[in-house]
Amino acid sequence: MIPRIYIPGDSGALALGAEKVAKAVRAELAERGIEAKIVRNGSRGAYFLEPMVEVATANGRVAYGPVKPSDVKSLFDCGFLTGGHHKRWLGAPDKIPFLARQTRLTFARCGVTDPLSLDHYKAHGGLKGLQNAVAITPADIVKQVTESGLRGRGGAGFPTGIKWKTVLDTSADRKYIVCNADEGDSGTFADRMIMEGDPFVLIEGMAIAGIATGATKGFIYIRSEYPHAVAVMQKAVEIARKAGLLGVNVLGSANSFDMEVRVGAGAYVCGEETALLDSLEGKRGQVRAKPPLPAHKGLFGKPTVINNVISLASVPVIMDKGAAFYKDFGTGRSRGTIPIQIAGNVKYPGLYEAAFGMTLGEIVDDIGGGTATGRPVKAVQVGGPLGAYFPRALFDTPFDYEAFAAKDGLIGHAGIVVFDDSADMLKQARFAMEFCAIESCGKCTPCRIGSTRGVEVLDRLAQNVEPEKQIALVTDLCNTMKFGSLCALGGFTPYPVMSALNHFPDDFRPTPVAEAAE
């Protein structure tokens, strides 16, 4: 039997040297005259162990990591093709603590299968959801998704089933499914991992969405900074089309659904659904006023479902296992699992899929291992650049939509960025305002002008110019932006600014120059 060696080919692992490791493995195989198959799988998400090389043995897969090119010769000397011990030996991948504690539903195949092998996908439970979907009515599909409690994983947390039902009930000669893969939040990489590590689950989810709502065309909108994801998704769509998963007769049924990949130029505001639609239509990405809602009048004026990658990729398991199975995970109104992305100054960065309900402290301290520097955790930003900064005093907050909203925070795309006690929260607040000023589409005044004035006010505060006056002014500015902005870019920028100000007030009262000199 030809040995199978798994070396991740996703962009996260590549950034950590996976391509150099693969090259070294190929060279060593050639030098030793060993025939083996190298599979470029996706990452399992334990990025602190990447590049993680796995070998299929008679007793199951054995992992080694993080592997450097200089380790490869000694790996072969130790008999790693049969699971031999080495200083990089990790044992069975699913027994690694970071992975063993997870509840993997959406990411069950990530890092396990060959991303572009449809046979691998089907052998690991793929297409069962779509097979079930083509056998029932659209209304029954929508009902199942609604009863599962699935909510938008892109940030807003809107019930997916309600959005689908609105499009199903809206009459039109054409409808669309749009996948928002414009993953622009800092510290987030779940969408990228799915697209590069298990692209067929996204295709399957989109096809189910199309059948459920009567949509016959889908678009995956991917940001240009994700060239590997774009390439993998394009290949996967071609493979799916040839295999009959897409086209005029999906899986041999009477349902028609096809899709294509579109690449965005990288504007952060195009992660907002209506700006994304403008971009897809070839226009400058600007936020549209609502109503009309995209579900009534979206892409090219037609009823459109716009869902995030993880929302759509979660649908196949619901259609396979059932609504009750999925709803059994989670807490309160936050049902199912959420892929938590742990990044920043943290010891164990990576993706951790778990049911809603873990506390922020468990995620940061137990799963993430605290800071990489070893210094105390000062703040954690949850939800991307527009997310609130939570101090340790709020680490008992359960990870669910309502619990975070009650603490003036938001889960967003579930990205967590950790900061140690050397972080200057005034600088972080300024960054939020500057980010908004740079990324604003310019359509509404509170966002366009408010963020620019916010940078100026915080700069004066940093210079200790009438600090109390500047604090009052930035508070008023944030209030105007929160309630007056057309979309969440301007509306959510106050979250990081005000949370930093409220939870870390000392950072906003710089020591006067004269006192510092003394």
Protein backbone atom coordinates (compact mmCIF):
# COMPACT_ATOMS: atom_id res chain seq x y z
CA MET A 1 0.00 0.00 0.00
CA ILE A 2 1.37 3.40 -1.03
CA PRO A 3 1.89 5.67 2.02
CA ARG A 4 -0.24 8.81 2.15
CA ILE A 5 1.31 11.97 3.54
CA TYR A 6 -0.94 14.94 4.36
CA ILE A 7 0.64 18.40 4.18
CA PRO A 8 -1.74 21.40 4.42
CA GLY A 9 -1.90 23.61 1.37
CA ASP A 10 -4.18 26.33 2.76
CA SER A 11 -2.84 29.88 2.96
CA GLY A 12 -2.49 29.85 6.76
CA ALA A 13 -0.19 26.83 6.68
CA LEU A 14 1.62 28.16 3.60
CA ALA A 15 2.39 31.37 5.47
CA LEU A 16 4.03 29.23 8.15
CA GLY A 17 6.23 27.33 5.69
CA ALA A 18 4.13 24.38 4.50
CA GLU A 19 5.30 24.67 0.89
CA LYS A 20 8.96 24.43 1.92
CA VAL A 21 8.14 21.37 4.02
CA ALA A 22 6.30 19.74 1.09
CA LYS A 23 9.27 20.41 -1.17
CA ALA A 24 11.64 18.87 1.38
CA VAL A 25 9.40 15.79 1.74
CA ARG A 26 9.28 15.30 -2.03
CA ALA A 27 13.04 15.58 -2.25
CA GLU A 28 13.56 13.08 0.58
CA LEU A 29 11.12 10.61 -1.01
CA ALA A 30 13.01 10.87 -4.31
CA GLU A 31 16.41 10.46 -2.66
CA ARG A 32 15.31 7.37 -0.73
CA GLY A 33 13.40 5.92 -3.71
CA ILE A 34 10.15 5.74 -1.76
CA GLU A 35 6.82 5.93 -3.57
CA ALA A 36 4.20 7.89 -1.61
CA LYS A 37 1.20 10.09 -2.28
CA ILE A 38 1.26 13.64 -0.90
CA VAL A 39 -2.20 15.06 -0.22
CA ARG A 40 -2.44 18.82 0.17
CA ASN A 41 -5.27 18.96 2.68
CA GLY A 42 -6.59 22.03 4.46
CA SER A 43 -5.50 23.00 7.94
CA ARG A 44 -7.31 21.60 10.98
CA GLY A 45 -7.02 25.09 12.46
CA ALA A 46 -4.39 24.50 15.15
CA TYR A 47 -2.10 27.09 13.63
CA PHE A 48 0.38 26.96 16.50
CA LEU A 49 1.20 23.44 15.26
CA GLU A 50 1.47 24.31 11.56
CA PRO A 51 2.90 23.09 9.34
CA MET A 52 1.37 19.90 10.74
CA VAL A 53 2.25 16.85 8.65
CA GLU A 54 0.13 13.71 8.97
CA VAL A 55 0.74 10.17 7.80
CA ALA A 56 -1.91 7.50 7.25
CA THR A 57 -0.77 4.34 9.05
CA ALA A 58 -2.34 0.94 9.72
CA ASN A 59 -3.43 2.30 13.11
CA GLY A 60 -4.85 5.56 11.80
CA ARG A 61 -3.35 8.95 11.07
CA VAL A 62 -0.37 10.22 13.05
CA ALA A 63 0.54 13.90 13.19
CA TYR A 64 3.85 15.72 13.50
CA GLY A 65 4.29 19.42 14.03
CA PRO A 66 5.22 22.15 13.76
CA VAL A 67 7.51 20.64 11.11
CA LYS A 68 10.42 22.58 9.63
CA PRO A 69 12.22 21.62 6.41
CA SER A 70 15.26 20.81 8.56
CA ASP A 71 13.18 18.18 10.41
CA VAL A 72 12.29 16.17 7.33
CA LYS A 73 15.41 13.98 7.06
CA SER A 74 15.24 12.99 10.73
CA LEU A 75 11.50 12.28 10.36
CA PHE A 76 12.26 9.70 7.69
CA ASP A 77 15.13 8.32 9.79
CA CYS A 78 12.67 7.81 12.67
CA GLY A 79 10.23 5.94 10.46
CA PHE A 80 7.51 8.56 10.42
CA LEU A 81 5.79 6.85 7.45
CA THR A 82 4.69 4.19 9.93
CA GLY A 83 4.08 6.60 12.82
CA GLY A 84 7.55 6.43 14.38
CA HIS A 85 8.39 8.67 17.33
CA HIS A 86 10.20 11.95 16.76
CA LYS A 87 10.55 15.22 18.65
CA ARG A 88 7.72 16.59 16.46
CA TRP A 89 5.44 13.60 17.12
CA LEU A 90 1.90 14.60 18.18
CA GLY A 91 0.07 11.30 17.92
CA ALA A 92 -3.46 10.91 16.59
CA PRO A 93 -4.68 14.34 15.38
CA ASP A 94 -8.10 14.00 16.97
CA LYS A 95 -6.45 13.31 20.34
CA ILE A 96 -4.52 16.60 20.36
CA PRO A 97 -6.16 18.56 23.24
CA PHE A 98 -6.90 21.67 21.15
CA LEU A 99 -8.78 19.52 18.62
CA ALA A 100 -10.17 16.84 20.92
CA ARG A 101 -12.24 19.30 22.96
CA GLN A 102 -14.01 20.77 19.94
CA THR A 103 -17.50 20.04 18.61
CA ARG A 104 -16.84 19.90 14.90
CA LEU A 105 -19.96 20.01 12.76
CA THR A 106 -19.30 22.62 10.06
CA PHE A 107 -15.54 21.96 10.10
CA ALA A 108 -15.74 18.17 10.45
CA ARG A 109 -13.83 17.56 7.21
CA CYS A 110 -11.38 20.49 7.37
CA GLY A 111 -7.85 19.11 7.52
CA VAL A 112 -9.12 15.56 7.08
CA THR A 113 -9.96 15.28 3.38
CA ASP A 114 -8.45 16.29 0.06
CA PRO A 115 -10.33 19.58 -0.55
CA LEU A 116 -10.76 18.92 -4.28
CA SER A 117 -11.69 15.23 -4.10
CA LEU A 118 -15.43 14.73 -4.41
CA ASP A 119 -14.92 11.07 -3.53
CA HIS A 120 -13.28 12.10 -0.24
CA TYR A 121 -16.12 14.51 0.40
CA LYS A 122 -18.79 11.84 -0.11
CA ALA A 123 -16.84 9.26 1.89
CA HIS A 124 -16.94 11.63 4.88
CA GLY A 125 -20.67 12.33 4.80
CA GLY A 126 -20.81 14.94 2.06
CA LEU A 127 -23.89 15.42 -0.17
CA LYS A 128 -26.30 13.72 2.24
CA GLY A 129 -27.90 17.07 3.03
CA LEU A 130 -28.38 17.93 -0.64
CA GLN A 131 -29.77 14.45 -1.37
CA ASN A 132 -32.34 14.96 1.37
CA ALA A 133 -33.14 18.46 0.11
CA VAL A 134 -33.97 17.44 -3.47
CA ALA A 135 -36.41 14.85 -2.11
CA ILE A 136 -38.63 17.34 -0.23
CA THR A 137 -40.42 20.61 -0.98
CA PRO A 138 -38.74 24.02 -0.76
CA ALA A 139 -41.08 24.98 2.08
CA ASP A 140 -40.00 21.90 4.05
CA ILE A 141 -36.33 22.80 3.60
CA VAL A 142 -36.99 26.32 4.85
CA LYS A 143 -38.96 24.93 7.79
CA GLN A 144 -36.08 22.65 8.78
CA VAL A 145 -33.51 25.46 8.60
CA THR A 146 -35.83 27.72 10.61
CA GLU A 147 -36.43 25.11 13.30
CA SER A 148 -32.67 24.47 13.63
CA GLY A 149 -32.25 27.97 15.04
CA LEU A 150 -29.42 28.77 12.61
CA ARG A 151 -28.59 32.48 12.63
CA GLY A 152 -26.32 34.47 10.35
CA ARG A 153 -22.70 33.73 11.22
CA GLY A 154 -21.45 36.86 9.47
CA GLY A 155 -22.16 39.11 12.43
CA ALA A 156 -25.76 40.26 12.52
CA GLY A 157 -27.13 36.97 13.84
CA PHE A 158 -30.35 37.26 11.81
CA PRO A 159 -32.35 33.98 11.63
CA THR A 160 -31.42 32.25 8.39
CA GLY A 161 -34.78 30.53 7.94
CA ILE A 162 -36.70 33.81 8.09
CA LYS A 163 -34.50 35.31 5.38
CA TRP A 164 -34.98 32.24 3.19
CA LYS A 165 -38.76 32.22 3.70
CA THR A 166 -38.98 35.86 2.66
CA VAL A 167 -37.24 35.09 -0.63
CA LEU A 168 -39.30 31.91 -1.15
CA ASP A 169 -42.55 33.85 -0.66
CA THR A 170 -41.52 36.70 -2.99
CA SER A 171 -42.60 36.20 -6.59
CA ALA A 172 -40.07 36.95 -9.32
CA ASP A 173 -38.87 35.61 -12.65
CA ARG A 174 -35.38 35.18 -11.21
CA LYS A 175 -33.84 34.87 -7.75
CA TYR A 176 -30.27 34.74 -6.51
CA ILE A 177 -28.12 33.27 -3.74
CA VAL A 178 -25.13 35.43 -2.82
CA CYS A 179 -22.41 34.11 -0.54
CA ASN A 180 -20.62 36.87 1.34
CA ALA A 181 -17.01 35.67 1.48
CA ASP A 182 -15.59 39.17 1.91
CA GLU A 183 -13.99 38.18 5.21
CA GLY A 184 -12.41 41.49 6.22
CA ASP A 185 -12.48 41.47 10.03
CA SER A 186 -9.18 41.42 11.88
CA GLY A 187 -8.48 38.06 13.50
CA THR A 188 -10.92 36.13 11.32
CA PHE A 189 -10.12 33.24 8.97
CA ALA A 190 -13.01 30.76 9.27
CA ASP A 191 -14.41 31.54 5.81
CA ARG A 192 -10.97 31.14 4.27
CA MET A 193 -10.43 27.81 6.03
CA ILE A 194 -13.71 26.39 4.72
CA MET A 195 -13.15 27.59 1.16
CA GLU A 196 -9.60 26.27 1.04
CA GLY A 197 -10.13 23.14 3.15
CA ASP A 198 -13.68 21.94 2.38
CA PRO A 199 -15.08 23.91 -0.58
CA PHE A 200 -17.78 21.37 -1.49
CA VAL A 201 -19.64 21.97 1.78
CA LEU A 202 -20.14 25.61 0.75
CA ILE A 203 -21.27 24.58 -2.73
CA GLU A 204 -23.67 22.07 -1.22
CA GLY A 205 -25.06 24.68 1.18
CA MET A 206 -25.60 27.18 -1.62
CA ALA A 207 -27.33 24.58 -3.79
CA ILE A 208 -29.69 23.73 -0.91
CA ALA A 209 -30.39 27.46 -0.43
CA GLY A 210 -31.18 27.79 -4.12
CA ILE A 211 -33.59 24.84 -4.13
CA ALA A 212 -35.24 26.10 -0.93
CA THR A 213 -35.96 29.59 -2.27
CA GLY A 214 -36.40 29.04 -5.99
CA ALA A 215 -33.11 30.71 -6.85
CA THR A 216 -31.32 29.34 -9.89
CA LYS A 217 -28.06 31.29 -9.78
CA GLY A 218 -25.47 31.81 -7.08
CA PHE A 219 -22.42 34.01 -6.65
CA ILE A 220 -19.55 33.62 -4.20
CA TYR A 221 -18.09 37.06 -3.54
CA ILE A 222 -14.47 36.60 -2.36
CA ARG A 223 -12.08 39.40 -1.47
CA SER A 224 -9.00 39.71 -3.72
CA GLU A 225 -6.67 39.22 -0.74
CA TYR A 226 -7.72 35.54 -0.76
CA PRO A 227 -6.11 34.25 -4.00
CA HIS A 228 -5.79 30.68 -2.72
CA ALA A 229 -9.46 30.58 -1.73
CA VAL A 230 -10.46 31.98 -5.11
CA ALA A 231 -8.42 29.33 -6.94
CA VAL A 232 -9.75 26.42 -4.85
CA MET A 233 -13.37 27.56 -5.09
CA GLN A 234 -13.15 28.00 -8.87
CA LYS A 235 -11.78 24.47 -9.28
CA ALA A 236 -14.37 23.05 -6.89
CA VAL A 237 -17.24 24.70 -8.77
CA GLU A 238 -15.99 23.18 -12.05
CA ILE A 239 -15.72 19.72 -10.44
CA ALA A 240 -19.19 20.04 -8.90
CA ARG A 241 -20.70 21.11 -12.21
CA LYS A 242 -19.17 18.17 -14.08
CA ALA A 243 -20.43 15.78 -11.39
CA GLY A 244 -24.02 17.05 -11.66
CA LEU A 245 -24.14 18.87 -8.32
CA LEU A 246 -24.74 22.07 -10.26
CA GLY A 247 -26.57 22.74 -13.50
CA VAL A 248 -30.05 22.23 -14.92
CA ASN A 249 -30.69 18.98 -13.01
CA VAL A 250 -29.07 19.09 -9.57
CA LEU A 251 -28.29 15.48 -8.56
CA GLY A 252 -30.61 14.33 -11.33
CA SER A 253 -33.60 16.20 -9.90
CA ALA A 254 -35.84 18.77 -11.57
CA ASN A 255 -34.08 21.55 -9.68
CA SER A 256 -31.76 23.95 -11.50
CA PHE A 257 -28.95 25.81 -9.78
CA ASP A 258 -25.56 27.03 -10.95
CA MET A 259 -22.98 29.35 -9.45
CA GLU A 260 -19.77 31.25 -10.09
CA VAL A 261 -16.97 32.97 -8.18
CA ARG A 262 -16.61 36.74 -8.25
CA VAL A 263 -13.61 38.62 -6.83
CA GLY A 264 -14.00 41.87 -4.92
CA ALA A 265 -11.35 44.58 -4.85
CA GLY A 266 -10.94 44.48 -1.07
CA ALA A 267 -13.09 47.34 0.22
CA TYR A 268 -14.11 46.60 3.81
CA VAL A 269 -17.52 48.19 3.31
CA CYS A 270 -18.31 45.58 0.64
CA GLY A 271 -18.72 43.12 3.49
CA GLU A 272 -22.00 45.00 4.11
CA GLU A 273 -24.61 43.16 2.09
CA THR A 274 -25.99 46.02 0.01
CA ALA A 275 -22.55 47.46 -0.78
CA LEU A 276 -21.57 43.95 -1.83
CA LEU A 277 -24.54 43.86 -4.23
CA ASP A 278 -23.48 47.16 -5.79
CA SER A 279 -19.98 45.76 -6.27
CA LEU A 280 -21.36 42.56 -7.84
CA GLU A 281 -23.35 44.70 -10.25
CA GLY A 282 -20.17 46.45 -11.36
CA LYS A 283 -20.77 49.65 -9.44
CA ARG A 284 -18.75 51.37 -6.75
CA GLY A 285 -19.50 49.59 -3.49
CA GLN A 286 -21.80 51.89 -1.53
CA VAL A 287 -24.40 51.10 1.08
CA ARG A 288 -28.02 51.15 -0.06
CA ALA A 289 -30.81 52.57 2.02
CA LYS A 290 -33.36 50.04 3.31
CA PRO A 291 -36.14 49.34 2.46
CA PRO A 292 -36.30 47.67 0.05
CA LEU A 293 -34.61 44.69 1.68
CA PRO A 294 -32.35 42.53 -0.53
CA ALA A 295 -34.75 39.63 0.10
CA HIS A 296 -37.36 41.62 -1.88
CA LYS A 297 -35.15 43.60 -4.23
CA GLY A 298 -31.51 42.63 -4.17
CA LEU A 299 -29.05 41.69 -6.91
CA PHE A 300 -30.14 43.25 -10.21
CA GLY A 301 -33.39 44.19 -8.46
CA LYS A 302 -34.38 40.55 -7.87
CA PRO A 303 -35.12 38.70 -4.58
CA THR A 304 -31.77 37.68 -3.12
CA VAL A 305 -30.56 35.57 -0.21
CA ILE A 306 -27.28 36.95 1.14
CA ASN A 307 -25.59 34.66 3.64
CA ASN A 308 -22.12 34.40 5.09
CA VAL A 309 -19.87 31.43 4.21
CA ILE A 310 -20.27 29.74 7.61
CA SER A 311 -24.06 30.18 7.55
CA LEU A 312 -24.30 28.37 4.22
CA ALA A 313 -21.69 25.77 5.15
CA SER A 314 -23.72 24.92 8.27
CA VAL A 315 -26.83 24.03 6.25
CA PRO A 316 -25.71 20.59 4.92
CA VAL A 317 -25.34 19.15 8.43
CA ILE A 318 -28.82 20.44 9.33
CA MET A 319 -30.33 18.82 6.24
CA ASP A 320 -28.39 15.63 6.95
CA LYS A 321 -28.84 15.23 10.72
CA GLY A 322 -32.06 17.20 11.16
CA ALA A 323 -33.09 20.45 12.82
CA ALA A 324 -33.41 18.89 16.29
CA PHE A 325 -29.86 17.54 16.14
CA TYR A 326 -28.40 20.95 15.33
CA LYS A 327 -30.60 22.85 17.77
CA ASP A 328 -29.47 20.57 20.59
CA PHE A 329 -26.15 22.44 20.63
CA GLY A 330 -25.87 25.95 22.04
CA THR A 331 -27.67 28.11 24.56
CA GLY A 332 -30.65 30.49 24.62
CA ARG A 333 -31.38 31.80 21.13
CA SER A 334 -27.84 31.00 19.96
CA ARG A 335 -28.13 27.47 18.59
CA GLY A 336 -25.62 25.16 16.97
CA THR A 337 -21.87 25.65 16.88
CA ILE A 338 -19.71 28.68 16.19
CA PRO A 339 -16.16 28.66 14.76
CA ILE A 340 -14.25 30.86 17.21
CA GLN A 341 -11.09 32.31 15.71
CA ILE A 342 -8.43 33.02 18.34
CA ALA A 343 -5.70 35.43 17.28
CA GLY A 344 -3.51 38.31 18.41
CA ASN A 345 -1.14 38.04 21.35
CA VAL A 346 -2.17 34.51 22.30
CA LYS A 347 -0.24 31.32 23.00
CA TYR A 348 -2.43 28.92 21.00
CA PRO A 349 -3.90 30.74 17.99
CA GLY A 350 -6.33 28.90 15.77
CA LEU A 351 -9.91 28.02 14.95
CA TYR A 352 -11.97 26.38 17.67
CA GLU A 353 -15.47 25.14 16.80
CA ALA A 354 -17.73 24.72 19.80
CA ALA A 355 -21.35 25.05 20.83
CA PHE A 356 -22.43 28.53 21.94
CA GLY A 357 -22.18 29.06 25.68
CA MET A 358 -18.50 28.89 26.60
CA THR A 359 -17.34 31.91 28.58
CA LEU A 360 -14.89 34.40 27.13
CA GLY A 361 -12.47 33.52 29.92
CA GLU A 362 -12.53 29.82 29.00
CA ILE A 363 -11.78 30.68 25.40
CA VAL A 364 -8.91 33.07 26.15
CA ASP A 365 -7.29 31.38 29.15
CA ASP A 366 -8.05 27.66 28.73
CA ILE A 367 -8.25 27.25 24.96
CA GLY A 368 -5.97 30.10 23.89
CA GLY A 369 -3.54 29.59 26.78
CA GLY A 370 -3.29 33.28 27.66
CA THR A 371 -0.84 35.64 25.98
CA ALA A 372 2.11 34.55 23.88
CA THR A 373 4.29 37.07 25.73
CA GLY A 374 3.38 35.64 29.11
CA ARG A 375 2.18 39.03 30.31
CA PRO A 376 -1.32 39.49 31.77
CA VAL A 377 -4.26 39.78 29.36
CA LYS A 378 -5.44 43.39 29.33
CA ALA A 379 -8.19 43.36 26.73
CA VAL A 380 -9.89 41.11 24.21
CA GLN A 381 -11.57 42.49 21.12
CA VAL A 382 -14.40 40.29 19.90
CA GLY A 383 -16.08 40.82 16.52
CA GLY A 384 -13.40 42.38 14.34
CA PRO A 385 -12.27 46.03 14.13
CA LEU A 386 -15.80 47.19 15.04
CA GLY A 387 -16.05 44.92 18.08
CA ALA A 388 -15.92 46.04 21.70
CA TYR A 389 -12.87 45.64 23.93
CA PHE A 390 -13.69 43.46 26.92
CA PRO A 391 -11.56 43.63 30.10
CA ARG A 392 -10.94 40.64 32.36
CA ALA A 393 -13.88 41.78 34.50
CA LEU A 394 -16.20 40.67 31.66
CA PHE A 395 -14.54 37.30 31.02
CA ASP A 396 -17.50 35.51 32.59
CA THR A 397 -19.66 36.56 29.61
CA PRO A 398 -21.08 33.52 27.77
CA PHE A 399 -20.30 33.38 24.07
CA ASP A 400 -23.77 34.01 22.64
CA TYR A 401 -25.39 36.87 20.77
CA GLU A 402 -27.68 38.17 23.50
CA ALA A 403 -25.10 37.91 26.31
CA PHE A 404 -22.61 40.00 24.35
CA ALA A 405 -25.24 42.54 23.33
CA ALA A 406 -26.20 42.92 27.00
CA LYS A 407 -22.59 43.96 27.72
CA ASP A 408 -22.50 46.44 24.79
CA GLY A 409 -20.50 44.02 22.68
CA LEU A 410 -21.04 41.90 19.61
CA ILE A 411 -19.89 38.48 18.46
CA GLY A 412 -19.65 39.50 14.82
CA HIS A 413 -17.79 36.87 12.82
CA ALA A 414 -16.48 35.37 16.09
CA GLY A 415 -12.93 36.65 15.76
CA ILE A 416 -11.09 37.15 19.06
CA VAL A 417 -7.96 39.30 19.23
CA VAL A 418 -6.01 39.21 22.51
CA PHE A 419 -3.94 42.12 23.90
CA ASP A 420 -1.56 42.04 26.85
CA ASP A 421 -1.05 44.79 29.46
CA SER A 422 1.35 46.73 27.22
CA ALA A 423 -1.50 47.76 24.88
CA ASP A 424 -2.45 51.45 24.81
CA MET A 425 -6.24 51.55 24.54
CA LEU A 426 -6.29 55.20 23.48
CA LYS A 427 -4.25 54.17 20.43
CA GLN A 428 -6.66 51.29 19.81
CA ALA A 429 -9.62 53.68 19.95
CA ARG A 430 -7.88 56.01 17.51
CA PHE A 431 -7.23 53.06 15.20
CA ALA A 432 -10.96 52.27 15.15
CA MET A 433 -11.82 55.81 14.10
CA GLU A 434 -9.03 55.89 11.52
CA PHE A 435 -10.10 52.52 10.13
CA CYS A 436 -13.66 53.79 9.72
CA ALA A 437 -12.44 57.00 8.04
CA ILE A 438 -10.34 55.04 5.54
CA GLU A 439 -12.93 52.36 4.79
CA SER A 440 -16.08 54.52 4.73
CA CYS A 441 -17.92 54.47 1.42
CA GLY A 442 -18.69 58.14 2.03
CA LYS A 443 -22.42 57.92 1.47
CA CYS A 444 -23.54 59.14 4.90
CA THR A 445 -22.24 62.09 6.91
CA PRO A 446 -22.05 60.54 10.41
CA CYS A 447 -19.64 57.86 9.19
CA ARG A 448 -17.67 59.91 6.65
CA ILE A 449 -17.21 63.07 8.73
CA GLY A 450 -17.70 61.67 12.23
CA SER A 451 -14.80 59.22 11.94
CA THR A 452 -12.46 61.90 10.60
CA ARG A 453 -13.39 64.27 13.44
CA GLY A 454 -12.99 61.33 15.83
CA VAL A 455 -9.35 60.86 14.83
CA GLU A 456 -8.71 64.57 15.38
CA VAL A 457 -10.36 64.58 18.81
CA LEU A 458 -8.43 61.51 19.98
CA ASP A 459 -5.18 63.04 18.72
CA ARG A 460 -5.86 66.15 20.84
CA LEU A 461 -6.62 63.89 23.78
CA ALA A 462 -3.29 62.08 23.30
CA GLN A 463 -1.60 65.50 23.42
CA ASN A 464 -3.43 66.23 26.69
CA VAL A 465 -5.27 69.22 25.21
CA GLU A 466 -8.33 69.85 27.42
CA PRO A 467 -8.81 66.10 28.05
CA GLU A 468 -12.23 66.29 29.69
CA LYS A 469 -13.55 68.38 26.82
CA GLN A 470 -12.18 65.87 24.25
CA ILE A 471 -13.70 62.92 26.12
CA ALA A 472 -17.11 64.62 26.13
CA LEU A 473 -16.74 65.42 22.44
CA VAL A 474 -15.75 61.91 21.35
CA THR A 475 -18.64 60.49 23.42
CA ASP A 476 -21.06 62.79 21.61
CA LEU A 477 -19.52 61.90 18.25
CA CYS A 478 -19.93 58.19 18.96
CA ASN A 479 -23.57 58.69 19.89
CA THR A 480 -24.20 60.49 16.57
CA MET A 481 -22.38 57.80 14.57
CA LYS A 482 -24.14 54.94 16.35
CA PHE A 483 -27.66 56.19 15.68
CA GLY A 484 -27.15 58.23 12.51
CA SER A 485 -24.99 56.05 10.25
CA LEU A 486 -26.51 54.28 7.29
CA CYS A 487 -24.81 50.95 7.98
CA ALA A 488 -22.85 49.05 10.62
CA LEU A 489 -19.46 50.49 9.62
CA GLY A 490 -20.24 53.88 11.12
CA GLY A 491 -22.84 52.48 13.50
CA PHE A 492 -20.50 49.99 15.16
CA THR A 493 -17.29 52.05 15.23
CA PRO A 494 -18.43 53.49 18.60
CA TYR A 495 -18.24 49.98 20.11
CA PRO A 496 -14.42 49.74 20.21
CA VAL A 497 -14.04 53.45 21.00
CA MET A 498 -16.50 53.64 23.87
CA SER A 499 -15.61 50.24 25.33
CA ALA A 500 -11.95 51.26 25.43
CA LEU A 501 -12.90 54.57 27.05
CA ASN A 502 -15.28 53.04 29.59
CA HIS A 503 -13.22 49.99 30.59
CA PHE A 504 -9.75 51.54 30.43
CA PRO A 505 -10.26 55.19 31.46
CA ASP A 506 -6.68 55.63 32.69
CA ASP A 507 -5.36 55.20 29.14
CA PHE A 508 -7.46 58.19 28.07
CA ARG A 509 -5.93 60.57 30.59
CA PRO A 510 -2.30 60.85 29.52
CA THR A 511 0.24 62.09 32.04
CA PRO A 512 0.90 65.81 31.44
CA VAL A 513 4.26 66.51 29.83
CA ALA A 514 5.47 68.53 32.83
CA GLU A 515 4.64 65.73 35.27
CA ALA A 516 6.29 63.12 33.07
CA ALA A 517 9.49 65.21 32.98
CA GLU A 518 9.59 65.38 36.80
